[in-house]
PDB file of N, CA and C in Angstrom:
ATOM      1  N   MET A   1      -9.565 -43.299 -30.723  1.00  0.00           N
ATOM      2  CA  MET A   1      -9.268 -42.839 -29.389  1.00  0.00           C
ATOM      3  C   MET A   1      -7.811 -42.945 -29.156  1.00  0.00           C
ATOM      4  N   ALA A   2      -7.168 -41.837 -28.664  1.00  0.00           N
ATOM      5  CA  ALA A   2      -5.736 -41.834 -28.362  1.00  0.00           C
ATOM      6  C   ALA A   2      -5.364 -42.786 -27.219  1.00  0.00           C
ATOM      7  N   THR A   3      -4.121 -43.183 -27.430  1.00  0.00           N
ATOM      8  CA  THR A   3      -3.636 -44.105 -26.218  1.00  0.00           C
ATOM      9  C   THR A   3      -3.105 -43.295 -25.164  1.00  0.00           C
ATOM     10  N   LEU A   4      -2.816 -43.717 -24.077  1.00  0.00           N
ATOM     11  CA  LEU A   4      -2.151 -43.150 -22.753  1.00  0.00           C
ATOM     12  C   LEU A   4      -0.890 -42.560 -23.246  1.00  0.00           C
ATOM     13  N   GLN A   5      -0.023 -43.277 -23.982  1.00  0.00           N
ATOM     14  CA  GLN A   5       1.313 -42.757 -24.410  1.00  0.00           C
ATOM     15  C   GLN A   5       1.135 -41.577 -25.317  1.00  0.00           C
ATOM     16  N   GLU A   6       0.149 -41.586 -26.161  1.00  0.00           N
ATOM     17  CA  GLU A   6       0.057 -40.369 -27.119  1.00  0.00           C
ATOM     18  C   GLU A   6      -0.443 -39.200 -26.308  1.00  0.00           C
ATOM     19  N   LEU A   7      -1.325 -39.298 -25.360  1.00  0.00           N
ATOM     20  CA  LEU A   7      -1.837 -38.280 -24.559  1.00  0.00           C
ATOM     21  C   LEU A   7      -0.741 -37.622 -23.678  1.00  0.00           C
ATOM     22  N   LEU A   8       0.117 -38.472 -23.148  1.00  0.00           N
ATOM     23  CA  LEU A   8       1.273 -38.041 -22.315  1.00  0.00           C
ATOM     24  C   LEU A   8       2.179 -37.320 -23.240  1.00  0.00           C
ATOM     25  N   ALA A   9       2.435 -37.662 -24.465  1.00  0.00           N
ATOM     26  CA  ALA A   9       3.407 -37.097 -25.325  1.00  0.00           C
ATOM     27  C   ALA A   9       2.773 -35.592 -25.672  1.00  0.00           C
ATOM     28  N   GLN A  10       1.340 -35.627 -25.832  1.00  0.00           N
ATOM     29  CA  GLN A  10       0.711 -34.286 -26.153  1.00  0.00           C
ATOM     30  C   GLN A  10       0.944 -33.311 -25.007  1.00  0.00           C
ATOM     31  N   LYS A  11       0.732 -33.916 -23.677  1.00  0.00           N
ATOM     32  CA  LYS A  11       0.838 -33.231 -22.577  1.00  0.00           C
ATOM     33  C   LYS A  11       2.229 -32.567 -22.430  1.00  0.00           C
ATOM     34  N   ALA A  12       3.251 -33.357 -22.674  1.00  0.00           N
ATOM     35  CA  ALA A  12       4.544 -32.908 -22.584  1.00  0.00           C
ATOM     36  C   ALA A  12       4.903 -31.876 -23.658  1.00  0.00           C
ATOM     37  N   ALA A  13       4.328 -32.045 -24.716  1.00  0.00           N
ATOM     38  CA  ALA A  13       4.618 -30.986 -25.759  1.00  0.00           C
ATOM     39  C   ALA A  13       3.895 -29.681 -25.423  1.00  0.00           C
ATOM     40  N   ILE A  14       2.734 -29.777 -24.893  1.00  0.00           N
ATOM     41  CA  ILE A  14       1.945 -28.596 -24.486  1.00  0.00           C
ATOM     42  C   ILE A  14       2.677 -27.884 -23.362  1.00  0.00           C
ATOM     43  N   GLU A  15       3.198 -28.654 -22.408  1.00  0.00           N
ATOM     44  CA  GLU A  15       3.748 -28.017 -21.309  1.00  0.00           C
ATOM     45  C   GLU A  15       5.163 -27.263 -21.761  1.00  0.00           C
ATOM     46  N   LYS A  16       5.816 -27.966 -22.678  1.00  0.00           N
ATOM     47  CA  LYS A  16       6.951 -27.238 -23.303  1.00  0.00           C
ATOM     48  C   LYS A  16       6.634 -25.899 -24.135  1.00  0.00           C
ATOM     49  N   GLN A  17       5.486 -25.949 -24.766  1.00  0.00           N
ATOM     50  CA  GLN A  17       5.014 -24.811 -25.322  1.00  0.00           C
ATOM     51  C   GLN A  17       4.699 -23.685 -24.355  1.00  0.00           C
ATOM     52  N   ILE A  18       4.139 -24.101 -23.268  1.00  0.00           N
ATOM     53  CA  ILE A  18       3.684 -23.181 -22.258  1.00  0.00           C
ATOM     54  C   ILE A  18       5.023 -22.450 -21.696  1.00  0.00           C
ATOM     55  N   ILE A  19       5.900 -23.313 -21.260  1.00  0.00           N
ATOM     56  CA  ILE A  19       7.250 -22.738 -20.797  1.00  0.00           C
ATOM     57  C   ILE A  19       7.747 -21.805 -21.724  1.00  0.00           C
ATOM     58  N   GLU A  20       8.016 -22.194 -23.102  1.00  0.00           N
ATOM     59  CA  GLU A  20       8.519 -21.287 -24.108  1.00  0.00           C
ATOM     60  C   GLU A  20       7.698 -19.901 -24.306  1.00  0.00           C
ATOM     61  N   THR A  21       6.455 -20.034 -24.151  1.00  0.00           N
ATOM     62  CA  THR A  21       5.548 -18.896 -24.510  1.00  0.00           C
ATOM     63  C   THR A  21       5.852 -17.952 -23.222  1.00  0.00           C
ATOM     64  N   GLN A  22       5.760 -18.566 -21.965  1.00  0.00           N
ATOM     65  CA  GLN A  22       5.992 -17.713 -20.863  1.00  0.00           C
ATOM     66  C   GLN A  22       7.318 -16.978 -20.922  1.00  0.00           C
ATOM     67  N   ARG A  23       8.424 -17.702 -21.268  1.00  0.00           N
ATOM     68  CA  ARG A  23       9.751 -17.054 -21.307  1.00  0.00           C
ATOM     69  C   ARG A  23       9.722 -16.042 -22.451  1.00  0.00           C
ATOM     70  N   GLN A  24       9.098 -16.196 -23.543  1.00  0.00           N
ATOM     71  CA  GLN A  24       8.983 -15.123 -24.594  1.00  0.00           C
ATOM     72  C   GLN A  24       8.231 -13.894 -24.194  1.00  0.00           C
ATOM     73  N   GLU A  25       7.079 -14.135 -23.451  1.00  0.00           N
ATOM     74  CA  GLU A  25       6.354 -13.035 -22.996  1.00  0.00           C
ATOM     75  C   GLU A  25       7.020 -12.266 -21.879  1.00  0.00           C
ATOM     76  N   ARG A  26       7.824 -12.800 -21.123  1.00  0.00           N
ATOM     77  CA  ARG A  26       8.630 -12.194 -20.117  1.00  0.00           C
ATOM     78  C   ARG A  26       9.583 -11.413 -20.806  1.00  0.00           C
ATOM     79  N   THR A  27      10.371 -11.996 -21.721  1.00  0.00           N
ATOM     80  CA  THR A  27      11.331 -11.323 -22.447  1.00  0.00           C
ATOM     81  C   THR A  27      10.599  -9.973 -23.123  1.00  0.00           C
ATOM     82  N   ASP A  28       9.586 -10.145 -23.743  1.00  0.00           N
ATOM     83  CA  ASP A  28       8.805  -9.031 -24.387  1.00  0.00           C
ATOM     84  C   ASP A  28       8.506  -7.961 -23.415  1.00  0.00           C
ATOM     85  N   ALA A  29       8.016  -8.356 -22.235  1.00  0.00           N
ATOM     86  CA  ALA A  29       7.624  -7.506 -21.134  1.00  0.00           C
ATOM     87  C   ALA A  29       8.783  -6.592 -20.724  1.00  0.00           C
ATOM     88  N   ILE A  30       9.985  -7.238 -20.489  1.00  0.00           N
ATOM     89  CA  ILE A  30      11.030  -6.645 -19.990  1.00  0.00           C
ATOM     90  C   ILE A  30      11.552  -5.657 -21.000  1.00  0.00           C
ATOM     91  N   ALA A  31      11.492  -5.922 -22.364  1.00  0.00           N
ATOM     92  CA  ALA A  31      11.793  -5.101 -23.299  1.00  0.00           C
ATOM     93  C   ALA A  31      10.894  -3.804 -23.356  1.00  0.00           C
ATOM     94  N   ARG A  32       9.647  -4.011 -23.124  1.00  0.00           N
ATOM     95  CA  ARG A  32       8.670  -2.861 -23.071  1.00  0.00           C
ATOM     96  C   ARG A  32       9.036  -1.935 -21.927  1.00  0.00           C
ATOM     97  N   VAL A  33       9.289  -2.629 -20.759  1.00  0.00           N
ATOM     98  CA  VAL A  33       9.535  -1.786 -19.448  1.00  0.00           C
ATOM     99  C   VAL A  33      10.887  -1.015 -19.741  1.00  0.00           C
ATOM    100  N   ARG A  34      11.865  -1.655 -20.388  1.00  0.00           N
ATOM    101  CA  ARG A  34      13.242  -1.038 -20.520  1.00  0.00           C
ATOM    102  C   ARG A  34      12.878   0.304 -21.461  1.00  0.00           C
ATOM    103  N   ALA A  35      12.062   0.069 -22.500  1.00  0.00           N
ATOM    104  CA  ALA A  35      11.792   1.188 -23.462  1.00  0.00           C
ATOM    105  C   ALA A  35      11.112   2.313 -22.741  1.00  0.00           C
ATOM    106  N   LEU A  36      10.155   1.952 -21.848  1.00  0.00           N
ATOM    107  CA  LEU A  36       9.522   2.981 -21.195  1.00  0.00           C
ATOM    108  C   LEU A  36      10.356   3.690 -20.147  1.00  0.00           C
ATOM    109  N   MET A  37      11.209   2.968 -19.485  1.00  0.00           N
ATOM    110  CA  MET A  37      12.146   3.615 -18.601  1.00  0.00           C
ATOM    111  C   MET A  37      13.017   4.627 -19.376  1.00  0.00           C
ATOM    112  N   ALA A  38      13.525   4.171 -20.548  1.00  0.00           N
ATOM    113  CA  ALA A  38      14.559   5.056 -21.280  1.00  0.00           C
ATOM    114  C   ALA A  38      13.618   6.260 -21.789  1.00  0.00           C
ATOM    115  N   GLU A  39      12.338   6.098 -22.242  1.00  0.00           N
ATOM    116  CA  GLU A  39      11.502   7.249 -22.684  1.00  0.00           C
ATOM    117  C   GLU A  39      11.270   8.237 -21.672  1.00  0.00           C
ATOM    118  N   TYR A  40      11.155   7.780 -20.392  1.00  0.00           N
ATOM    119  CA  TYR A  40      10.677   8.676 -19.324  1.00  0.00           C
ATOM    120  C   TYR A  40      11.811   9.018 -18.331  1.00  0.00           C
ATOM    121  N   GLY A  41      13.042   8.491 -18.609  1.00  0.00           N
ATOM    122  CA  GLY A  41      14.260   8.676 -17.905  1.00  0.00           C
ATOM    123  C   GLY A  41      14.019   8.135 -16.435  1.00  0.00           C
ATOM    124  N   LEU A  42      13.476   6.970 -16.343  1.00  0.00           N
ATOM    125  CA  LEU A  42      13.344   6.404 -14.948  1.00  0.00           C
ATOM    126  C   LEU A  42      14.522   5.434 -14.660  1.00  0.00           C
ATOM    127  N   SER A  43      14.816   5.182 -13.456  1.00  0.00           N
ATOM    128  CA  SER A  43      15.876   4.346 -12.942  1.00  0.00           C
ATOM    129  C   SER A  43      15.098   3.134 -12.239  1.00  0.00           C
ATOM    130  N   ALA A  44      15.944   2.158 -11.857  1.00  0.00           N
ATOM    131  CA  ALA A  44      15.425   0.955 -11.045  1.00  0.00           C
ATOM    132  C   ALA A  44      14.925   1.452  -9.849  1.00  0.00           C
ATOM    133  N   ALA A  45      15.500   2.472  -9.183  1.00  0.00           N
ATOM    134  CA  ALA A  45      15.039   2.895  -7.844  1.00  0.00           C
ATOM    135  C   ALA A  45      13.722   3.542  -8.081  1.00  0.00           C
ATOM    136  N   ASP A  46      13.360   4.255  -9.056  1.00  0.00           N
ATOM    137  CA  ASP A  46      12.139   4.838  -9.376  1.00  0.00           C
ATOM    138  C   ASP A  46      11.045   3.608  -9.362  1.00  0.00           C
ATOM    139  N   ILE A  47      11.344   2.515 -10.009  1.00  0.00           N
ATOM    140  CA  ILE A  47      10.498   1.499 -10.274  1.00  0.00           C
ATOM    141  C   ILE A  47      10.267   0.710  -8.895  1.00  0.00           C
ATOM    142  N   ALA A  48      11.245   0.680  -8.118  1.00  0.00           N
ATOM    143  CA  ALA A  48      11.207  -0.105  -6.802  1.00  0.00           C
ATOM    144  C   ALA A  48      10.346   0.836  -5.746  1.00  0.00           C
ATOM    145  N   GLY A  49       9.955   1.963  -6.091  1.00  0.00           N
ATOM    146  CA  GLY A  49       9.214   2.735  -5.272  1.00  0.00           C
ATOM    147  C   GLY A  49      10.044   3.765  -4.290  1.00  0.00           C
ATOM    148  N   LYS A  50      11.291   3.936  -4.549  1.00  0.00           N
ATOM    149  CA  LYS A  50      12.063   4.795  -3.907  1.00  0.00           C
ATOM    150  C   LYS A  50      11.935   6.317  -4.522  1.00  0.00           C
ATOM    151  N   ALA A  51      11.254   6.916  -3.913  1.00  0.00           N
ATOM    152  CA  ALA A  51      10.923   8.462  -4.541  1.00  0.00           C
ATOM    153  C   ALA A  51      12.082   9.273  -4.374  1.00  0.00           C
ATOM    154  N   ALA A  52      12.034  10.198  -5.272  1.00  0.00           N
ATOM    155  CA  ALA A  52      13.210  11.254  -5.249  1.00  0.00           C
ATOM    156  C   ALA A  52      13.144  11.988  -3.885  1.00  0.00           C
ATOM    157  N   PRO A  53      14.311  12.533  -3.500  1.00  0.00           N
ATOM    158  CA  PRO A  53      14.427  13.151  -2.115  1.00  0.00           C
ATOM    159  C   PRO A  53      13.408  14.182  -1.932  1.00  0.00           C
ATOM    160  N   MET A  54      13.117  14.894  -3.044  1.00  0.00           N
ATOM    161  CA  MET A  54      12.150  16.192  -2.811  1.00  0.00           C
ATOM    162  C   MET A  54      10.807  15.699  -2.713  1.00  0.00           C
ATOM    163  N   LEU A  55      10.476  14.444  -3.178  1.00  0.00           N
ATOM    164  CA  LEU A  55       9.186  14.032  -3.175  1.00  0.00           C
ATOM    165  C   LEU A  55       8.862  13.188  -1.908  1.00  0.00           C
ATOM    166  N   ARG A  56       9.983  12.678  -1.287  1.00  0.00           N
ATOM    167  CA  ARG A  56       9.781  11.780  -0.129  1.00  0.00           C
ATOM    168  C   ARG A  56       9.376  12.466   1.153  1.00  0.00           C
ATOM    169  N   LYS A  57       8.410  11.747   1.817  1.00  0.00           N
ATOM    170  CA  LYS A  57       7.836  12.351   3.071  1.00  0.00           C
ATOM    171  C   LYS A  57       9.043  12.209   4.121  1.00  0.00           C
ATOM    172  N   PRO A  58       9.226  13.242   4.912  1.00  0.00           N
ATOM    173  CA  PRO A  58      10.222  13.440   5.896  1.00  0.00           C
ATOM    174  C   PRO A  58      10.127  12.287   6.980  1.00  0.00           C
ATOM    175  N   GLU A  59      11.062  11.630   7.327  1.00  0.00           N
ATOM    176  CA  GLU A  59      10.945  10.395   8.264  1.00  0.00           C
ATOM    177  C   GLU A  59      11.730  10.704   9.458  1.00  0.00           C
ATOM    178  N   GLY A  60      11.160  10.311  10.615  1.00  0.00           N
ATOM    179  CA  GLY A  60      12.009  10.298  11.790  1.00  0.00           C
ATOM    180  C   GLY A  60      12.275  11.707  12.427  1.00  0.00           C
ATOM    181  N   ARG A  61      11.454  12.694  12.253  1.00  0.00           N
ATOM    182  CA  ARG A  61      11.668  13.887  12.786  1.00  0.00           C
ATOM    183  C   ARG A  61      11.603  13.839  14.266  1.00  0.00           C
ATOM    184  N   LYS A  62      12.456  14.411  14.771  1.00  0.00           N
ATOM    185  CA  LYS A  62      12.590  14.595  16.421  1.00  0.00           C
ATOM    186  C   LYS A  62      11.590  15.685  16.866  1.00  0.00           C
ATOM    187  N   VAL A  63      10.897  15.315  17.965  1.00  0.00           N
ATOM    188  CA  VAL A  63       9.990  16.326  18.448  1.00  0.00           C
ATOM    189  C   VAL A  63      10.617  16.815  19.888  1.00  0.00           C
ATOM    190  N   ALA A  64      10.620  17.977  20.078  1.00  0.00           N
ATOM    191  CA  ALA A  64      11.214  18.557  21.266  1.00  0.00           C
ATOM    192  C   ALA A  64      10.408  17.923  22.477  1.00  0.00           C
ATOM    193  N   PRO A  65      11.106  17.621  23.621  1.00  0.00           N
ATOM    194  CA  PRO A  65      10.340  17.106  24.704  1.00  0.00           C
ATOM    195  C   PRO A  65       9.572  18.243  25.412  1.00  0.00           C
ATOM    196  N   LYS A  66       8.397  17.734  26.010  1.00  0.00           N
ATOM    197  CA  LYS A  66       7.501  18.578  26.664  1.00  0.00           C
ATOM    198  C   LYS A  66       7.467  18.322  28.116  1.00  0.00           C
ATOM    199  N   TYR A  67       7.835  17.068  28.557  1.00  0.00           N
ATOM    200  CA  TYR A  67       7.731  16.671  29.993  1.00  0.00           C
ATOM    201  C   TYR A  67       9.188  16.085  30.325  1.00  0.00           C
ATOM    202  N   ARG A  68       9.609  16.236  31.625  1.00  0.00           N
ATOM    203  CA  ARG A  68      10.806  15.661  31.993  1.00  0.00           C
ATOM    204  C   ARG A  68      10.533  15.146  33.430  1.00  0.00           C
ATOM    205  N   ASN A  69      11.092  13.862  33.771  1.00  0.00           N
ATOM    206  CA  ASN A  69      11.073  13.266  35.013  1.00  0.00           C
ATOM    207  C   ASN A  69      12.221  13.927  35.799  1.00  0.00           C
ATOM    208  N   PRO A  70      11.997  14.617  36.801  1.00  0.00           N
ATOM    209  CA  PRO A  70      12.966  15.355  37.756  1.00  0.00           C
ATOM    210  C   PRO A  70      13.889  14.349  38.310  1.00  0.00           C
ATOM    211  N   GLU A  71      13.434  13.147  38.533  1.00  0.00           N
ATOM    212  CA  GLU A  71      14.350  12.236  39.305  1.00  0.00           C
ATOM    213  C   GLU A  71      15.419  11.575  38.341  1.00  0.00           C
ATOM    214  N   THR A  72      14.917  11.162  37.296  1.00  0.00           N
ATOM    215  CA  THR A  72      15.922  10.530  36.403  1.00  0.00           C
ATOM    216  C   THR A  72      16.327  11.285  35.097  1.00  0.00           C
ATOM    217  N   GLY A  73      15.723  12.507  34.805  1.00  0.00           N
ATOM    218  CA  GLY A  73      15.957  13.156  33.527  1.00  0.00           C
ATOM    219  C   GLY A  73      15.338  12.742  32.300  1.00  0.00           C
ATOM    220  N   GLU A  74      14.517  11.682  32.449  1.00  0.00           N
ATOM    221  CA  GLU A  74      13.911  11.078  31.273  1.00  0.00           C
ATOM    222  C   GLU A  74      12.818  12.139  30.640  1.00  0.00           C
ATOM    223  N   THR A  75      12.709  12.198  29.418  1.00  0.00           N
ATOM    224  CA  THR A  75      11.845  13.079  28.835  1.00  0.00           C
ATOM    225  C   THR A  75      10.837  12.389  28.001  1.00  0.00           C
ATOM    226  N   TRP A  76       9.663  13.158  27.763  1.00  0.00           N
ATOM    227  CA  TRP A  76       8.612  12.609  26.824  1.00  0.00           C
ATOM    228  C   TRP A  76       8.189  13.811  26.011  1.00  0.00           C
ATOM    229  N   SER A  77       7.844  13.524  24.693  1.00  0.00           N
ATOM    230  CA  SER A  77       7.382  14.519  23.789  1.00  0.00           C
ATOM    231  C   SER A  77       5.973  14.817  23.940  1.00  0.00           C
ATOM    232  N   GLY A  78       5.219  14.053  24.525  1.00  0.00           N
ATOM    233  CA  GLY A  78       3.778  14.219  24.646  1.00  0.00           C
ATOM    234  C   GLY A  78       3.083  13.383  23.457  1.00  0.00           C
ATOM    235  N   ARG A  79       3.841  12.718  22.755  1.00  0.00           N
ATOM    236  CA  ARG A  79       3.321  12.002  21.540  1.00  0.00           C
ATOM    237  C   ARG A  79       3.441  10.486  21.953  1.00  0.00           C
ATOM    238  N   GLY A  80       2.447   9.625  21.490  1.00  0.00           N
ATOM    239  CA  GLY A  80       2.666   8.267  21.641  1.00  0.00           C
ATOM    240  C   GLY A  80       2.115   7.908  23.213  1.00  0.00           C
ATOM    241  N   LEU A  81       2.439   6.720  23.440  1.00  0.00           N
ATOM    242  CA  LEU A  81       2.054   6.189  24.768  1.00  0.00           C
ATOM    243  C   LEU A  81       2.895   6.993  25.831  1.00  0.00           C
ATOM    244  N   GLN A  82       2.148   7.286  27.004  1.00  0.00           N
ATOM    245  CA  GLN A  82       2.849   7.824  28.131  1.00  0.00           C
ATOM    246  C   GLN A  82       3.863   6.828  28.553  1.00  0.00           C
ATOM    247  N   PRO A  83       5.095   7.419  29.004  1.00  0.00           N
ATOM    248  CA  PRO A  83       6.119   6.496  29.637  1.00  0.00           C
ATOM    249  C   PRO A  83       5.600   5.961  31.136  1.00  0.00           C
ATOM    250  N   LYS A  84       6.152   4.900  31.422  1.00  0.00           N
ATOM    251  CA  LYS A  84       5.678   4.328  32.673  1.00  0.00           C
ATOM    252  C   LYS A  84       5.940   5.240  33.994  1.00  0.00           C
ATOM    253  N   TRP A  85       7.020   5.953  33.880  1.00  0.00           N
ATOM    254  CA  TRP A  85       7.269   6.898  35.006  1.00  0.00           C
ATOM    255  C   TRP A  85       6.232   7.993  35.068  1.00  0.00           C
ATOM    256  N   LEU A  86       5.788   8.400  33.994  1.00  0.00           N
ATOM    257  CA  LEU A  86       4.651   9.494  33.886  1.00  0.00           C
ATOM    258  C   LEU A  86       3.424   8.820  34.342  1.00  0.00           C
ATOM    259  N   LYS A  87       3.034   7.692  33.869  1.00  0.00           N
ATOM    260  CA  LYS A  87       1.822   7.203  34.248  1.00  0.00           C
ATOM    261  C   LYS A  87       1.745   6.730  35.752  1.00  0.00           C
ATOM    262  N   ALA A  88       2.869   6.238  36.334  1.00  0.00           N
ATOM    263  CA  ALA A  88       2.908   5.976  37.734  1.00  0.00           C
ATOM    264  C   ALA A  88       2.699   7.178  38.600  1.00  0.00           C
ATOM    265  N   ALA A  89       3.336   8.341  38.099  1.00  0.00           N
ATOM    266  CA  ALA A  89       3.238   9.669  38.833  1.00  0.00           C
ATOM    267  C   ALA A  89       1.732  10.139  38.861  1.00  0.00           C
ATOM    268  N   LEU A  90       1.133  10.028  37.716  1.00  0.00           N
ATOM    269  CA  LEU A  90      -0.208  10.536  37.540  1.00  0.00           C
ATOM    270  C   LEU A  90      -1.243   9.671  38.426  1.00  0.00           C
ATOM    271  N   GLU A  91      -0.897   8.244  38.355  1.00  0.00           N
ATOM    272  CA  GLU A  91      -1.732   7.545  39.261  1.00  0.00           C
ATOM    273  C   GLU A  91      -1.572   7.826  40.810  1.00  0.00           C
ATOM    274  N   ASP A  92      -0.338   8.292  41.195  1.00  0.00           N
ATOM    275  CA  ASP A  92      -0.164   8.702  42.549  1.00  0.00           C
ATOM    276  C   ASP A  92      -0.774   9.991  42.886  1.00  0.00           C
ATOM    277  N   GLY A  93      -1.364  10.670  41.983  1.00  0.00           N
ATOM    278  CA  GLY A  93      -2.139  11.876  42.284  1.00  0.00           C
ATOM    279  C   GLY A  93      -1.324  13.179  41.811  1.00  0.00           C
ATOM    280  N   ARG A  94      -0.282  12.918  41.124  1.00  0.00           N
ATOM    281  CA  ARG A  94       0.548  14.166  40.559  1.00  0.00           C
ATOM    282  C   ARG A  94      -0.164  14.774  39.298  1.00  0.00           C
ATOM    283  N   ASN A  95       0.083  15.951  39.040  1.00  0.00           N
ATOM    284  CA  ASN A  95      -0.522  16.519  37.763  1.00  0.00           C
ATOM    285  C   ASN A  95       0.541  16.494  36.743  1.00  0.00           C
ATOM    286  N   ILE A  96       0.061  16.352  35.488  1.00  0.00           N
ATOM    287  CA  ILE A  96       1.122  16.335  34.244  1.00  0.00           C
ATOM    288  C   ILE A  96       1.707  17.642  34.168  1.00  0.00           C
ATOM    289  N   SER A  97       1.122  18.724  34.659  1.00  0.00           N
ATOM    290  CA  SER A  97       1.818  19.980  34.459  1.00  0.00           C
ATOM    291  C   SER A  97       3.030  20.176  35.484  1.00  0.00           C
ATOM    292  N   ASP A  98       3.032  19.263  36.358  1.00  0.00           N
ATOM    293  CA  ASP A  98       4.335  19.228  37.355  1.00  0.00           C
ATOM    294  C   ASP A  98       5.427  18.802  36.623  1.00  0.00           C
ATOM    295  N   PHE A  99       5.329  18.150  35.515  1.00  0.00           N
ATOM    296  CA  PHE A  99       6.550  17.540  34.706  1.00  0.00           C
ATOM    297  C   PHE A  99       6.679  18.310  33.427  1.00  0.00           C
ATOM    298  N   ALA A 100       6.008  19.476  33.078  1.00  0.00           N
ATOM    299  CA  ALA A 100       6.099  20.282  31.918  1.00  0.00           C
ATOM    300  C   ALA A 100       7.573  20.989  31.883  1.00  0.00           C
ATOM    301  N   LEU A 101       8.107  21.146  30.816  1.00  0.00           N
ATOM    302  CA  LEU A 101       9.295  21.791  30.726  1.00  0.00           C
ATOM    303  C   LEU A 101       9.076  23.323  30.450  1.00  0.00           C
TER     304      LEU A 101
END
């Protein structure tokens, strides 16, 4: 039967092997990824998920306003939540068509 000292030495040796194996596998994985990137002409931005401009979905398109508050000039496109000024006016009995542009 092994002594505590021997078992601790074995544990330390195994932990060292684990760290070395992890380091080597990581190095190998990086080399494989670099080879694939070179083969397919990929960049780090491609890998990070930043698509090419022609493949990217348009973001932040402005929509023309459909409704205007005549008192303040505030506008609303009709998308998303109704603004407070419109909601209050509708609760007061006004019609949404009163604010249409």
